[in-house]
Structures are given as C-alpha cells and as structure tokens.
Amino acid sequence: MACHPGAKLVDCRLCRCAGENGEVYPAAATLGDETGISERQTREYIQELEREKFIEVDRENKHYRKNGSGGTNRVFLLWHAVFEGDRGQPRKAPPPRQSTGGVPRQFTAALTPAVNCRQRESICLRESVKESQVKADRGRKLN
C-alpha cells in the first residue's frame, strides 16, 4: 500500500475539495494546476489511488455544470485501513549519529546579506593580493 508521494498530494487536494458526503468533482487539469504536476500525471495518480482503494471513481454519471459544460467524473473518498492509526513499533535505539572523529561540531549563526557580502569582498581582495604577489615573484625570477 505504498502510494507515490504525488498520489498522496493529489489525495490531499481531493480531500480538501470534497463536500460533507465525500464527493468531489475534480478536473484533472485543475488538480494538476493546483498541485504543480501535469494533467497526465494527475490522471495516473488518480488511477493509483483508485487501485489502492483510497477513492472510487464513477465514470458513468458525469458531473455537468448548470450550463451543460464540464463532464467531470465523480470521485468518492473512501475510508482506508491506513487511517486507523497503526503506526508500528517505536524504535528501540536512537537514530545513528554522524561521527566527527572526536572533533566537536561548530555551529555558526546565519549571516546577514551585508556581512556575507563583506566576507566575500574580503576573500576576493585576499585572492587578488595573492595573484599580484605571484605575478611580482614571476617578474623577479625572469629579471
């Protein structure tokens, strides 16, 4: 029952749009726009959710607007076993920590843009001084 993360995203969007009775009339293009994925991929995720029994799609009784346009499938949200809350056993050991080889980690505060800019200018200045010293040393060796 491992759904693709994109399918979970589509399911969340369907849940948000559903009415009190669990019905929703999604257009794949609209779902795709709202979730940032293509219409084709949205359709594939809907099929995956249907295979995994998270939703049921009524393809025969299409939903039309009052003016006759539309024609979207009706989707029913289903109760699934994953919603029961069985989360498995808690871990017995804490997650492994990265070894630093005995060297304590140093944490630094985030730099403001002005400080960051000054540091970059300082580094560039040091590099240009080094380059000019190398050029001067080369000139002395040639003479």
N, C-alpha and C. Protein backbone atom coordinates (compact mmCIF):
# COMPACT_ATOMS: atom_id res chain seq x y z
N MET A 1 0.81 -1.19 0.00
CA MET A 1 0.00 0.00 0.00
C MET A 1 0.85 1.26 0.00
N ALA A 2 1.97 1.18 -0.64
CA ALA A 2 2.83 2.35 -0.69
C ALA A 2 2.49 3.16 -1.94
N CYS A 3 1.84 4.26 -1.73
CA CYS A 3 1.49 5.15 -2.84
C CYS A 3 2.64 6.10 -3.10
N HIS A 4 2.73 6.52 -4.32
CA HIS A 4 3.71 7.53 -4.72
C HIS A 4 3.40 8.84 -3.99
N PRO A 5 4.42 9.60 -3.60
CA PRO A 5 4.16 10.88 -2.92
C PRO A 5 3.25 11.82 -3.71
N GLY A 6 3.35 11.79 -5.04
CA GLY A 6 2.48 12.62 -5.86
C GLY A 6 1.02 12.20 -5.74
N ALA A 7 0.78 10.89 -5.61
CA ALA A 7 -0.58 10.40 -5.43
C ALA A 7 -1.13 10.87 -4.09
N LYS A 8 -0.29 10.89 -3.08
CA LYS A 8 -0.72 11.37 -1.76
C LYS A 8 -1.08 12.86 -1.83
N LEU A 9 -0.30 13.60 -2.60
CA LEU A 9 -0.58 15.02 -2.77
C LEU A 9 -1.94 15.23 -3.44
N VAL A 10 -2.20 14.45 -4.49
CA VAL A 10 -3.48 14.55 -5.18
C VAL A 10 -4.61 14.16 -4.24
N ASP A 11 -4.41 13.11 -3.43
CA ASP A 11 -5.43 12.68 -2.47
C ASP A 11 -5.71 13.79 -1.46
N CYS A 12 -4.67 14.44 -0.98
CA CYS A 12 -4.87 15.56 -0.03
C CYS A 12 -5.68 16.67 -0.67
N ARG A 13 -5.40 16.96 -1.92
CA ARG A 13 -6.13 18.03 -2.61
C ARG A 13 -7.60 17.62 -2.81
N LEU A 14 -7.82 16.34 -3.13
CA LEU A 14 -9.19 15.86 -3.27
C LEU A 14 -9.94 15.98 -1.95
N CYS A 15 -9.27 15.62 -0.86
CA CYS A 15 -9.90 15.71 0.47
C CYS A 15 -10.27 17.15 0.80
N ARG A 16 -9.43 18.06 0.42
CA ARG A 16 -9.69 19.47 0.73
C ARG A 16 -10.89 20.00 -0.06
N CYS A 17 -11.09 19.46 -1.25
CA CYS A 17 -12.18 19.96 -2.11
C CYS A 17 -13.48 19.21 -1.90
N ALA A 18 -13.45 18.09 -1.19
CA ALA A 18 -14.64 17.25 -1.06
C ALA A 18 -15.70 17.91 -0.19
N GLY A 19 -16.94 17.55 -0.50
CA GLY A 19 -18.06 18.02 0.31
C GLY A 19 -18.22 17.15 1.54
N GLU A 20 -19.28 17.42 2.29
CA GLU A 20 -19.55 16.67 3.52
C GLU A 20 -19.79 15.18 3.27
N ASN A 21 -20.31 14.85 2.10
CA ASN A 21 -20.61 13.45 1.79
C ASN A 21 -19.42 12.73 1.16
N GLY A 22 -18.28 13.38 1.05
CA GLY A 22 -17.09 12.74 0.50
C GLY A 22 -17.05 12.70 -1.01
N GLU A 23 -17.90 13.47 -1.67
CA GLU A 23 -17.90 13.54 -3.13
C GLU A 23 -17.10 14.75 -3.58
N VAL A 24 -16.42 14.57 -4.68
CA VAL A 24 -15.67 15.67 -5.27
C VAL A 24 -15.69 15.47 -6.78
N TYR A 25 -15.70 16.57 -7.52
CA TYR A 25 -15.76 16.52 -8.98
C TYR A 25 -14.50 17.18 -9.54
N PRO A 26 -13.38 16.48 -9.51
CA PRO A 26 -12.13 17.12 -9.91
C PRO A 26 -11.92 17.09 -11.41
N ALA A 27 -11.46 18.18 -11.94
CA ALA A 27 -10.97 18.19 -13.31
C ALA A 27 -9.46 17.95 -13.22
N ALA A 28 -8.95 17.02 -14.01
CA ALA A 28 -7.53 16.66 -13.93
C ALA A 28 -6.65 17.88 -14.19
N ALA A 29 -7.07 18.73 -15.11
CA ALA A 29 -6.28 19.92 -15.42
C ALA A 29 -6.20 20.85 -14.21
N THR A 30 -7.33 21.04 -13.53
CA THR A 30 -7.36 21.90 -12.35
C THR A 30 -6.54 21.30 -11.23
N LEU A 31 -6.71 20.00 -10.99
CA LEU A 31 -5.90 19.33 -9.95
C LEU A 31 -4.41 19.46 -10.25
N GLY A 32 -4.06 19.29 -11.51
CA GLY A 32 -2.66 19.42 -11.90
C GLY A 32 -2.12 20.82 -11.65
N ASP A 33 -2.92 21.83 -11.99
CA ASP A 33 -2.51 23.22 -11.74
C ASP A 33 -2.34 23.48 -10.26
N GLU A 34 -3.26 22.98 -9.46
CA GLU A 34 -3.24 23.24 -8.02
C GLU A 34 -2.11 22.50 -7.31
N THR A 35 -1.68 21.37 -7.86
CA THR A 35 -0.62 20.59 -7.22
C THR A 35 0.73 20.75 -7.90
N GLY A 36 0.76 21.41 -9.04
CA GLY A 36 2.03 21.64 -9.72
C GLY A 36 2.52 20.45 -10.52
N ILE A 37 1.61 19.57 -10.94
CA ILE A 37 2.01 18.44 -11.77
C ILE A 37 1.19 18.46 -13.06
N SER A 38 1.61 17.65 -14.02
CA SER A 38 0.92 17.67 -15.31
C SER A 38 -0.43 16.99 -15.22
N GLU A 39 -1.27 17.29 -16.19
CA GLU A 39 -2.60 16.69 -16.23
C GLU A 39 -2.50 15.18 -16.40
N ARG A 40 -1.60 14.73 -17.25
CA ARG A 40 -1.42 13.30 -17.48
C ARG A 40 -0.98 12.59 -16.19
N GLN A 41 -0.01 13.18 -15.49
CA GLN A 41 0.46 12.57 -14.25
C GLN A 41 -0.65 12.57 -13.21
N THR A 42 -1.47 13.60 -13.19
CA THR A 42 -2.60 13.67 -12.27
C THR A 42 -3.55 12.51 -12.52
N ARG A 43 -3.83 12.24 -13.78
CA ARG A 43 -4.72 11.12 -14.12
C ARG A 43 -4.12 9.79 -13.65
N GLU A 44 -2.81 9.63 -13.81
CA GLU A 44 -2.16 8.40 -13.37
C GLU A 44 -2.23 8.25 -11.85
N TYR A 45 -2.06 9.36 -11.13
CA TYR A 45 -2.16 9.32 -9.67
C TYR A 45 -3.59 8.98 -9.22
N ILE A 46 -4.59 9.51 -9.94
CA ILE A 46 -5.97 9.18 -9.61
C ILE A 46 -6.22 7.69 -9.81
N GLN A 47 -5.68 7.13 -10.89
CA GLN A 47 -5.81 5.69 -11.12
C GLN A 47 -5.10 4.89 -10.03
N GLU A 48 -3.95 5.38 -9.58
CA GLU A 48 -3.22 4.69 -8.50
C GLU A 48 -4.03 4.73 -7.20
N LEU A 49 -4.62 5.88 -6.89
CA LEU A 49 -5.45 5.99 -5.69
C LEU A 49 -6.66 5.08 -5.78
N GLU A 50 -7.20 4.93 -6.98
CA GLU A 50 -8.34 4.04 -7.16
C GLU A 50 -7.91 2.58 -6.99
N ARG A 51 -6.76 2.19 -7.54
CA ARG A 51 -6.26 0.82 -7.38
C ARG A 51 -6.01 0.48 -5.91
N GLU A 52 -5.50 1.46 -5.16
CA GLU A 52 -5.17 1.24 -3.76
C GLU A 52 -6.38 1.42 -2.83
N LYS A 53 -7.56 1.68 -3.43
CA LYS A 53 -8.83 1.79 -2.70
C LYS A 53 -8.89 3.00 -1.75
N PHE A 54 -8.26 4.10 -2.15
CA PHE A 54 -8.40 5.34 -1.40
C PHE A 54 -9.60 6.13 -1.92
N ILE A 55 -9.89 5.95 -3.21
CA ILE A 55 -11.01 6.64 -3.83
C ILE A 55 -11.77 5.66 -4.72
N GLU A 56 -12.99 6.04 -5.06
CA GLU A 56 -13.78 5.31 -6.05
C GLU A 56 -14.22 6.33 -7.08
N VAL A 57 -14.03 6.00 -8.35
CA VAL A 57 -14.35 6.93 -9.43
C VAL A 57 -15.58 6.43 -10.17
N ASP A 58 -16.59 7.29 -10.26
CA ASP A 58 -17.81 6.99 -11.02
C ASP A 58 -17.64 7.64 -12.39
N ARG A 59 -17.32 6.82 -13.37
CA ARG A 59 -17.06 7.34 -14.72
C ARG A 59 -18.33 7.37 -15.58
N GLU A 60 -19.39 6.77 -15.10
CA GLU A 60 -20.62 6.71 -15.89
C GLU A 60 -21.50 7.93 -15.67
N ASN A 61 -21.64 8.37 -14.44
CA ASN A 61 -22.51 9.51 -14.12
C ASN A 61 -21.66 10.76 -13.98
N LYS A 62 -21.38 11.38 -15.09
CA LYS A 62 -20.52 12.56 -15.09
C LYS A 62 -21.25 13.74 -14.45
N HIS A 63 -20.46 14.66 -13.93
CA HIS A 63 -21.00 15.87 -13.31
C HIS A 63 -20.88 17.01 -14.31
N TYR A 64 -21.99 17.65 -14.61
CA TYR A 64 -22.01 18.77 -15.54
C TYR A 64 -22.44 20.03 -14.82
N ARG A 65 -21.94 21.15 -15.31
CA ARG A 65 -22.37 22.44 -14.76
C ARG A 65 -23.79 22.73 -15.21
N LYS A 66 -24.38 23.76 -14.62
CA LYS A 66 -25.76 24.12 -14.97
C LYS A 66 -25.90 24.51 -16.44
N ASN A 67 -24.81 25.05 -17.03
CA ASN A 67 -24.87 25.45 -18.44
C ASN A 67 -24.55 24.28 -19.38
N GLY A 68 -24.32 23.07 -18.82
CA GLY A 68 -24.08 21.89 -19.65
C GLY A 68 -22.62 21.60 -19.92
N SER A 69 -21.74 22.50 -19.51
CA SER A 69 -20.31 22.25 -19.73
C SER A 69 -19.76 21.39 -18.60
N GLY A 70 -18.56 20.97 -18.75
CA GLY A 70 -17.91 20.17 -17.71
C GLY A 70 -17.78 18.74 -18.12
N GLY A 71 -18.45 17.86 -17.45
CA GLY A 71 -18.38 16.44 -17.75
C GLY A 71 -17.24 15.77 -16.99
N THR A 72 -17.07 16.13 -15.72
CA THR A 72 -16.02 15.51 -14.92
C THR A 72 -16.57 14.30 -14.17
N ASN A 73 -15.68 13.36 -13.90
CA ASN A 73 -16.06 12.18 -13.14
C ASN A 73 -16.33 12.55 -11.69
N ARG A 74 -17.22 11.80 -11.08
CA ARG A 74 -17.48 11.98 -9.66
C ARG A 74 -16.52 11.06 -8.91
N VAL A 75 -15.87 11.58 -7.89
CA VAL A 75 -14.93 10.81 -7.09
C VAL A 75 -15.46 10.74 -5.67
N PHE A 76 -15.48 9.53 -5.11
CA PHE A 76 -15.89 9.33 -3.73
C PHE A 76 -14.65 9.00 -2.91
N LEU A 77 -14.46 9.70 -1.83
CA LEU A 77 -13.35 9.40 -0.93
C LEU A 77 -13.75 8.21 -0.06
N LEU A 78 -12.86 7.24 0.05
CA LEU A 78 -13.15 6.02 0.81
C LEU A 78 -12.32 6.00 2.10
N TRP A 79 -12.87 5.32 3.11
CA TRP A 79 -12.11 5.11 4.35
C TRP A 79 -11.13 3.98 4.09
N HIS A 80 -9.87 4.17 4.45
CA HIS A 80 -8.83 3.19 4.17
C HIS A 80 -8.21 2.72 5.48
N ALA A 81 -7.66 1.52 5.49
CA ALA A 81 -7.06 0.95 6.70
C ALA A 81 -5.90 1.79 7.23
N VAL A 82 -5.22 2.52 6.35
CA VAL A 82 -4.08 3.32 6.83
C VAL A 82 -4.53 4.46 7.73
N PHE A 83 -5.82 4.79 7.72
CA PHE A 83 -6.32 5.86 8.56
C PHE A 83 -6.59 5.41 9.99
N GLU A 84 -6.45 4.11 10.26
CA GLU A 84 -6.74 3.57 11.58
C GLU A 84 -5.70 3.95 12.62
N GLY A 85 -4.52 4.39 12.19
CA GLY A 85 -3.53 4.88 13.13
C GLY A 85 -2.52 3.86 13.61
N ASP A 86 -2.46 2.67 13.03
CA ASP A 86 -1.46 1.69 13.42
C ASP A 86 -0.12 2.15 12.87
N ARG A 87 0.73 2.62 13.74
CA ARG A 87 2.00 3.20 13.31
C ARG A 87 3.17 2.26 13.51
N GLY A 88 2.93 1.04 13.97
CA GLY A 88 4.02 0.11 14.17
C GLY A 88 4.70 0.31 15.52
N GLN A 89 5.80 -0.38 15.71
CA GLN A 89 6.54 -0.33 16.96
C GLN A 89 7.49 0.87 16.98
N PRO A 90 7.64 1.51 18.15
CA PRO A 90 8.61 2.59 18.23
C PRO A 90 10.04 2.05 18.14
N ARG A 91 10.94 2.88 17.69
CA ARG A 91 12.34 2.46 17.60
C ARG A 91 12.91 2.24 18.98
N LYS A 92 13.76 1.22 19.11
CA LYS A 92 14.35 0.92 20.40
C LYS A 92 15.63 1.72 20.63
N ALA A 93 16.30 2.06 19.58
CA ALA A 93 17.55 2.80 19.71
C ALA A 93 17.40 4.14 18.99
N PRO A 94 18.11 5.15 19.45
CA PRO A 94 18.04 6.43 18.75
C PRO A 94 18.70 6.29 17.38
N PRO A 95 18.37 7.17 16.44
CA PRO A 95 18.99 7.09 15.12
C PRO A 95 20.50 7.28 15.23
N PRO A 96 21.26 6.64 14.34
CA PRO A 96 22.71 6.77 14.41
C PRO A 96 23.15 8.21 14.17
N ARG A 97 24.22 8.61 14.87
CA ARG A 97 24.75 9.96 14.72
C ARG A 97 25.96 9.92 13.83
N GLN A 98 26.20 11.00 13.15
CA GLN A 98 27.38 11.09 12.31
C GLN A 98 28.60 11.25 13.19
N SER A 99 29.65 10.53 12.85
CA SER A 99 30.90 10.64 13.60
C SER A 99 31.68 11.85 13.11
N THR A 100 32.20 12.61 14.06
CA THR A 100 33.02 13.76 13.69
C THR A 100 34.48 13.50 13.99
N GLY A 101 34.81 12.24 14.32
CA GLY A 101 36.20 11.89 14.58
C GLY A 101 36.74 12.56 15.84
N GLY A 102 35.90 12.80 16.83
CA GLY A 102 36.34 13.41 18.07
C GLY A 102 36.41 14.93 18.03
N VAL A 103 36.22 15.52 16.86
CA VAL A 103 36.26 16.98 16.73
C VAL A 103 34.86 17.51 17.01
N PRO A 104 34.73 18.44 17.94
CA PRO A 104 33.39 18.96 18.24
C PRO A 104 32.83 19.74 17.05
N ARG A 105 31.53 19.62 16.87
CA ARG A 105 30.89 20.36 15.79
C ARG A 105 30.80 21.84 16.15
N GLN A 106 30.95 22.66 15.16
CA GLN A 106 30.82 24.10 15.37
C GLN A 106 29.57 24.58 14.67
N PHE A 107 28.76 25.28 15.39
CA PHE A 107 27.54 25.82 14.82
C PHE A 107 27.71 27.33 14.70
N THR A 108 27.42 27.83 13.53
CA THR A 108 27.53 29.26 13.31
C THR A 108 26.15 29.83 13.01
N ALA A 109 25.97 31.06 13.36
CA ALA A 109 24.71 31.74 13.09
C ALA A 109 24.65 32.11 11.62
N ALA A 110 23.46 32.23 11.11
CA ALA A 110 23.29 32.65 9.72
C ALA A 110 23.80 34.07 9.54
N LEU A 111 24.44 34.31 8.42
CA LEU A 111 24.99 35.63 8.14
C LEU A 111 23.94 36.52 7.50
N THR A 112 23.98 37.78 7.85
CA THR A 112 23.11 38.73 7.17
C THR A 112 23.70 39.00 5.79
N PRO A 113 22.91 39.47 4.84
CA PRO A 113 23.45 39.73 3.50
C PRO A 113 24.63 40.70 3.52
N ALA A 114 24.58 41.71 4.38
CA ALA A 114 25.67 42.68 4.43
C ALA A 114 26.97 42.02 4.91
N VAL A 115 26.90 41.21 5.97
CA VAL A 115 28.08 40.53 6.49
C VAL A 115 28.60 39.54 5.46
N ASN A 116 27.69 38.82 4.82
CA ASN A 116 28.08 37.85 3.81
C ASN A 116 28.80 38.56 2.66
N CYS A 117 28.29 39.70 2.24
CA CYS A 117 28.90 40.47 1.15
C CYS A 117 30.30 40.93 1.55
N ARG A 118 30.46 41.44 2.81
CA ARG A 118 31.78 41.89 3.25
C ARG A 118 32.77 40.74 3.28
N GLN A 119 32.30 39.56 3.72
CA GLN A 119 33.20 38.41 3.76
C GLN A 119 33.62 38.01 2.36
N ARG A 120 32.69 38.03 1.41
CA ARG A 120 33.05 37.68 0.04
C ARG A 120 34.03 38.70 -0.53
N GLU A 121 33.80 40.00 -0.25
CA GLU A 121 34.72 41.03 -0.73
C GLU A 121 36.10 40.85 -0.13
N SER A 122 36.15 40.47 1.15
CA SER A 122 37.41 40.25 1.82
C SER A 122 38.16 39.08 1.18
N ILE A 123 37.45 38.02 0.87
CA ILE A 123 38.07 36.86 0.24
C ILE A 123 38.58 37.23 -1.14
N CYS A 124 37.78 37.96 -1.91
CA CYS A 124 38.21 38.38 -3.26
C CYS A 124 39.44 39.26 -3.18
N LEU A 125 39.47 40.16 -2.18
CA LEU A 125 40.61 41.05 -2.02
C LEU A 125 41.87 40.24 -1.70
N ARG A 126 41.76 39.28 -0.79
CA ARG A 126 42.91 38.44 -0.45
C ARG A 126 43.39 37.65 -1.67
N GLU A 127 42.45 37.12 -2.47
CA GLU A 127 42.84 36.37 -3.66
C GLU A 127 43.54 37.26 -4.67
N SER A 128 43.07 38.50 -4.83
CA SER A 128 43.71 39.39 -5.80
C SER A 128 45.10 39.81 -5.31
N VAL A 129 45.28 39.97 -3.99
CA VAL A 129 46.59 40.29 -3.44
C VAL A 129 47.56 39.13 -3.69
N LYS A 130 47.08 37.89 -3.48
CA LYS A 130 47.91 36.72 -3.73
C LYS A 130 48.31 36.65 -5.20
N GLU A 131 47.35 36.90 -6.10
CA GLU A 131 47.64 36.86 -7.53
C GLU A 131 48.70 37.90 -7.90
N SER A 132 48.59 39.10 -7.35
CA SER A 132 49.57 40.15 -7.67
C SER A 132 50.93 39.79 -7.10
N GLN A 133 50.99 39.14 -5.93
CA GLN A 133 52.27 38.71 -5.37
C GLN A 133 52.90 37.63 -6.24
N VAL A 134 52.11 36.71 -6.74
CA VAL A 134 52.63 35.65 -7.61
C VAL A 134 53.19 36.27 -8.89
N LYS A 135 52.47 37.23 -9.46
CA LYS A 135 52.95 37.89 -10.68
C LYS A 135 54.24 38.64 -10.41
N ALA A 136 54.31 39.30 -9.25
CA ALA A 136 55.54 40.02 -8.92
C ALA A 136 56.71 39.07 -8.73
N ASP A 137 56.48 37.93 -8.10
CA ASP A 137 57.51 36.93 -7.91
C ASP A 137 57.99 36.38 -9.25
N ARG A 138 57.10 36.16 -10.17
CA ARG A 138 57.47 35.68 -11.51
C ARG A 138 58.32 36.70 -12.21
N GLY A 139 57.94 37.99 -12.08
CA GLY A 139 58.70 39.06 -12.72
C GLY A 139 60.11 39.14 -12.17
N ARG A 140 60.31 38.95 -10.88
CA ARG A 140 61.63 38.99 -10.27
C ARG A 140 62.50 37.84 -10.75
N LYS A 141 61.88 36.66 -10.91
CA LYS A 141 62.65 35.49 -11.34
C LYS A 141 63.12 35.65 -12.78
N LEU A 142 62.33 36.31 -13.62
CA LEU A 142 62.72 36.49 -15.01
C LEU A 142 63.84 37.50 -15.14
N ASN A 143 63.94 38.45 -14.24
CA ASN A 143 64.98 39.50 -14.36
C ASN A 143 66.23 39.02 -13.77
